[in-house]
Amino acid sequence: MTLPTTPDALAEAPCVLIERGLFYRPNNRGYTGILREAGRFTHDDAAAVVDHCAGSVIMMLATEAPDYSPACWHETQVKDLLGLLRREREARAAAEAAHDTAAAENARLWADVEALKGALKVFAGMDATDPPEGVPLNEWLPAVTGARVAIRTALARAATAGEGRSDG
């Protein structure tokens, strides 16, 4: 870690306080052996506590403090590490589920694109202004335009989804 290089930076850097081998909790409400649960104090506030407690309290930059204080029980460390591992596994499972959902959405979009391409083939050989026999022009033009717009929209959505594949 990089230590603050100016007096102002030092004054702004968060500090932790250690007494009897344990970190002070936020707002001086008890002690903890786990750095993540420790209170953060300004340099001036921490120095005032150290001065008031006549040497029984140690001040340390939070960035330089160990994850577990010297007096933290081994059982507390193990419980905390197991909790971190559980949260990591839950986050990984959630990320995998989100990835699976995104992959399924991507596959669905590509299936839609393929279906729309098949629908476009019907229109491919036809002139938009020359409808098939028996189909009024006022129905034919919106159908052709709608199909083309739907295909372009589906292609654009599929190109930006999942793997970002672009086709056509």
Protein backbone atom coordinates (compact mmCIF):
# COMPACT_ATOMS: atom_id res chain seq x y z
CA MET A 1 0.00 0.00 0.00
CA THR A 2 1.07 3.54 -0.66
CA LEU A 3 1.35 5.72 2.39
CA PRO A 4 0.01 9.27 2.27
CA THR A 5 2.79 11.62 1.16
CA THR A 6 1.46 14.96 2.38
CA PRO A 7 0.19 16.12 5.76
CA ASP A 8 -3.27 16.77 4.26
CA ALA A 9 -3.40 13.29 2.74
CA LEU A 10 -2.37 11.79 6.08
CA ALA A 11 -5.07 13.75 7.89
CA GLU A 12 -7.68 12.39 5.44
CA ALA A 13 -6.46 8.76 5.49
CA PRO A 14 -8.70 6.45 7.56
CA CYS A 15 -7.12 5.00 10.68
CA VAL A 16 -8.02 2.12 12.95
CA LEU A 17 -7.45 1.93 16.68
CA ILE A 18 -6.19 -1.18 18.49
CA GLU A 19 -6.57 -1.73 22.21
CA ARG A 20 -5.77 -4.99 23.99
CA GLY A 21 -5.05 -6.52 20.59
CA LEU A 22 -8.51 -5.79 19.14
CA PHE A 23 -9.81 -3.11 16.77
CA TYR A 24 -12.23 -0.47 17.99
CA ARG A 25 -15.64 -0.83 16.36
CA PRO A 26 -17.32 2.19 14.71
CA ASN A 27 -18.30 4.94 17.16
CA ASN A 28 -16.18 3.26 19.86
CA ARG A 29 -18.90 0.62 20.41
CA GLY A 30 -16.87 -2.35 21.52
CA TYR A 31 -14.10 -4.32 19.89
CA THR A 32 -13.63 -6.70 16.99
CA GLY A 33 -10.82 -8.82 15.68
CA ILE A 34 -11.92 -8.35 12.05
CA LEU A 35 -10.62 -5.34 10.13
CA ARG A 36 -13.75 -5.07 7.92
CA GLU A 37 -15.82 -4.57 11.08
CA ALA A 38 -13.43 -2.03 12.60
CA GLY A 39 -14.29 1.62 12.85
CA ARG A 40 -12.48 4.12 10.68
CA PHE A 41 -11.25 7.30 12.29
CA THR A 42 -9.62 10.45 10.97
CA HIS A 43 -5.99 10.91 11.88
CA ASP A 44 -6.84 13.73 14.30
CA ASP A 45 -9.64 11.77 16.02
CA ALA A 46 -7.46 8.68 16.34
CA ALA A 47 -4.54 10.72 17.70
CA ALA A 48 -6.84 12.29 20.30
CA VAL A 49 -7.93 8.82 21.51
CA VAL A 50 -4.30 7.65 21.67
CA ASP A 51 -3.35 10.73 23.70
CA HIS A 52 -6.34 10.32 26.03
CA CYS A 53 -5.66 6.63 26.68
CA ALA A 54 -2.04 7.23 27.66
CA GLY A 55 -0.40 4.62 25.46
CA SER A 56 -2.85 1.74 25.83
CA VAL A 57 -4.27 2.38 22.34
CA ILE A 58 -2.36 2.02 19.08
CA MET A 59 -3.27 4.00 15.97
CA MET A 60 -2.65 2.48 12.53
CA LEU A 61 -3.58 3.41 8.95
CA ALA A 62 -6.43 1.17 7.87
CA THR A 63 -4.59 0.36 4.64
CA GLU A 64 -1.65 -1.01 6.66
CA ALA A 65 -3.65 -2.95 9.26
CA PRO A 66 -3.84 -6.75 9.14
CA ASP A 67 -7.15 -8.40 8.20
CA TYR A 68 -7.33 -9.84 11.72
CA SER A 69 -6.06 -8.15 14.86
CA PRO A 70 -3.36 -9.79 17.01
CA ALA A 71 -5.85 -10.95 19.67
CA CYS A 72 -8.52 -12.18 17.23
CA TRP A 73 -9.49 -15.72 18.13
CA HIS A 74 -8.61 -18.40 15.63
CA GLU A 75 -12.24 -19.59 15.67
CA THR A 76 -13.42 -16.08 14.76
CA GLN A 77 -11.00 -15.96 11.85
CA VAL A 78 -12.14 -19.37 10.59
CA LYS A 79 -15.82 -18.41 10.91
CA ASP A 80 -15.18 -15.14 9.07
CA LEU A 81 -13.22 -16.84 6.29
CA LEU A 82 -15.94 -19.47 5.87
CA GLY A 83 -18.51 -16.66 5.65
CA LEU A 84 -16.42 -14.92 2.98
CA LEU A 85 -16.13 -18.20 1.08
CA ARG A 86 -19.90 -18.76 1.30
CA ARG A 87 -20.60 -15.24 0.01
CA GLU A 88 -18.09 -15.74 -2.81
CA ARG A 89 -19.76 -19.01 -3.81
CA GLU A 90 -23.20 -17.38 -3.71
CA ALA A 91 -21.96 -14.48 -5.85
CA ARG A 92 -20.39 -16.91 -8.31
CA ALA A 93 -23.60 -18.97 -8.49
CA ALA A 94 -25.63 -15.80 -9.06
CA ALA A 95 -23.21 -14.70 -11.80
CA GLU A 96 -23.44 -18.12 -13.46
CA ALA A 97 -27.24 -18.01 -13.28
CA ALA A 98 -27.21 -14.53 -14.84
CA HIS A 99 -24.85 -15.80 -17.54
CA ASP A 100 -27.13 -18.80 -18.19
CA THR A 101 -30.11 -16.45 -18.42
CA ALA A 102 -28.24 -14.19 -20.84
CA ALA A 103 -27.18 -17.20 -22.92
CA ALA A 104 -30.77 -18.45 -23.05
CA GLU A 105 -31.97 -14.98 -24.08
CA ASN A 106 -29.26 -14.85 -26.74
CA ALA A 107 -30.31 -18.26 -28.09
CA ARG A 108 -33.95 -17.16 -28.12
CA LEU A 109 -33.05 -13.99 -30.01
CA TRP A 110 -31.11 -15.98 -32.59
CA ALA A 111 -34.04 -18.36 -33.01
CA ASP A 112 -36.26 -15.32 -33.58
CA VAL A 113 -33.80 -13.98 -36.14
CA GLU A 114 -33.72 -17.28 -38.01
CA ALA A 115 -37.52 -17.43 -38.02
CA LEU A 116 -37.72 -13.88 -39.30
CA LYS A 117 -35.15 -14.59 -41.99
CA GLY A 118 -37.34 -17.49 -43.09
CA ALA A 119 -40.30 -15.15 -43.22
CA LEU A 120 -38.26 -12.67 -45.24
CA LYS A 121 -37.55 -15.30 -47.88
CA VAL A 122 -41.23 -15.16 -48.76
CA PHE A 123 -40.80 -11.48 -49.57
CA ALA A 124 -37.33 -11.76 -51.14
CA GLY A 125 -38.42 -12.48 -54.67
CA MET A 126 -41.31 -10.06 -54.62
CA ASP A 127 -41.44 -6.39 -55.39
CA ALA A 128 -42.92 -4.43 -52.47
CA THR A 129 -45.04 -2.45 -54.93
CA ASP A 130 -46.24 -5.57 -56.76
CA PRO A 131 -48.35 -7.64 -54.32
CA PRO A 132 -49.28 -11.25 -54.99
CA GLU A 133 -52.51 -11.76 -56.83
CA GLY A 134 -55.52 -11.11 -54.67
CA VAL A 135 -53.65 -9.08 -52.00
CA PRO A 136 -54.55 -5.38 -51.96
CA LEU A 137 -51.60 -3.01 -52.17
CA ASN A 138 -52.74 -1.17 -49.00
CA GLU A 139 -52.27 -4.47 -47.07
CA TRP A 140 -49.16 -5.61 -48.90
CA LEU A 141 -46.94 -2.56 -48.35
CA PRO A 142 -47.34 -2.51 -44.53
CA ALA A 143 -46.72 -6.28 -44.39
CA VAL A 144 -43.47 -6.06 -46.35
CA THR A 145 -42.29 -2.98 -44.46
CA GLY A 146 -43.24 -4.49 -41.09
CA ALA A 147 -41.38 -7.71 -41.87
CA ARG A 148 -38.25 -5.84 -42.91
CA VAL A 149 -38.35 -3.62 -39.80
CA ALA A 150 -38.93 -6.64 -37.52
CA ILE A 151 -35.99 -8.47 -39.03
CA ARG A 152 -33.68 -5.47 -38.76
CA THR A 153 -34.75 -4.92 -35.14
CA ALA A 154 -34.24 -8.57 -34.24
CA LEU A 155 -30.85 -8.61 -35.92
CA ALA A 156 -29.78 -5.49 -34.03
CA ARG A 157 -30.97 -6.92 -30.69
CA ALA A 158 -29.24 -10.23 -31.31
CA ALA A 159 -26.02 -8.51 -32.35
CA THR A 160 -25.82 -6.67 -29.04
CA ALA A 161 -26.97 -9.58 -26.85
CA GLY A 162 -24.86 -12.29 -25.30
CA GLU A 163 -21.90 -13.05 -27.51
CA GLY A 164 -22.50 -10.02 -29.71
CA ARG A 165 -22.77 -12.09 -32.85
CA SER A 166 -23.96 -10.25 -35.94
CA ASP A 167 -25.48 -12.03 -38.86
CA GLY A 168 -26.82 -10.49 -42.07
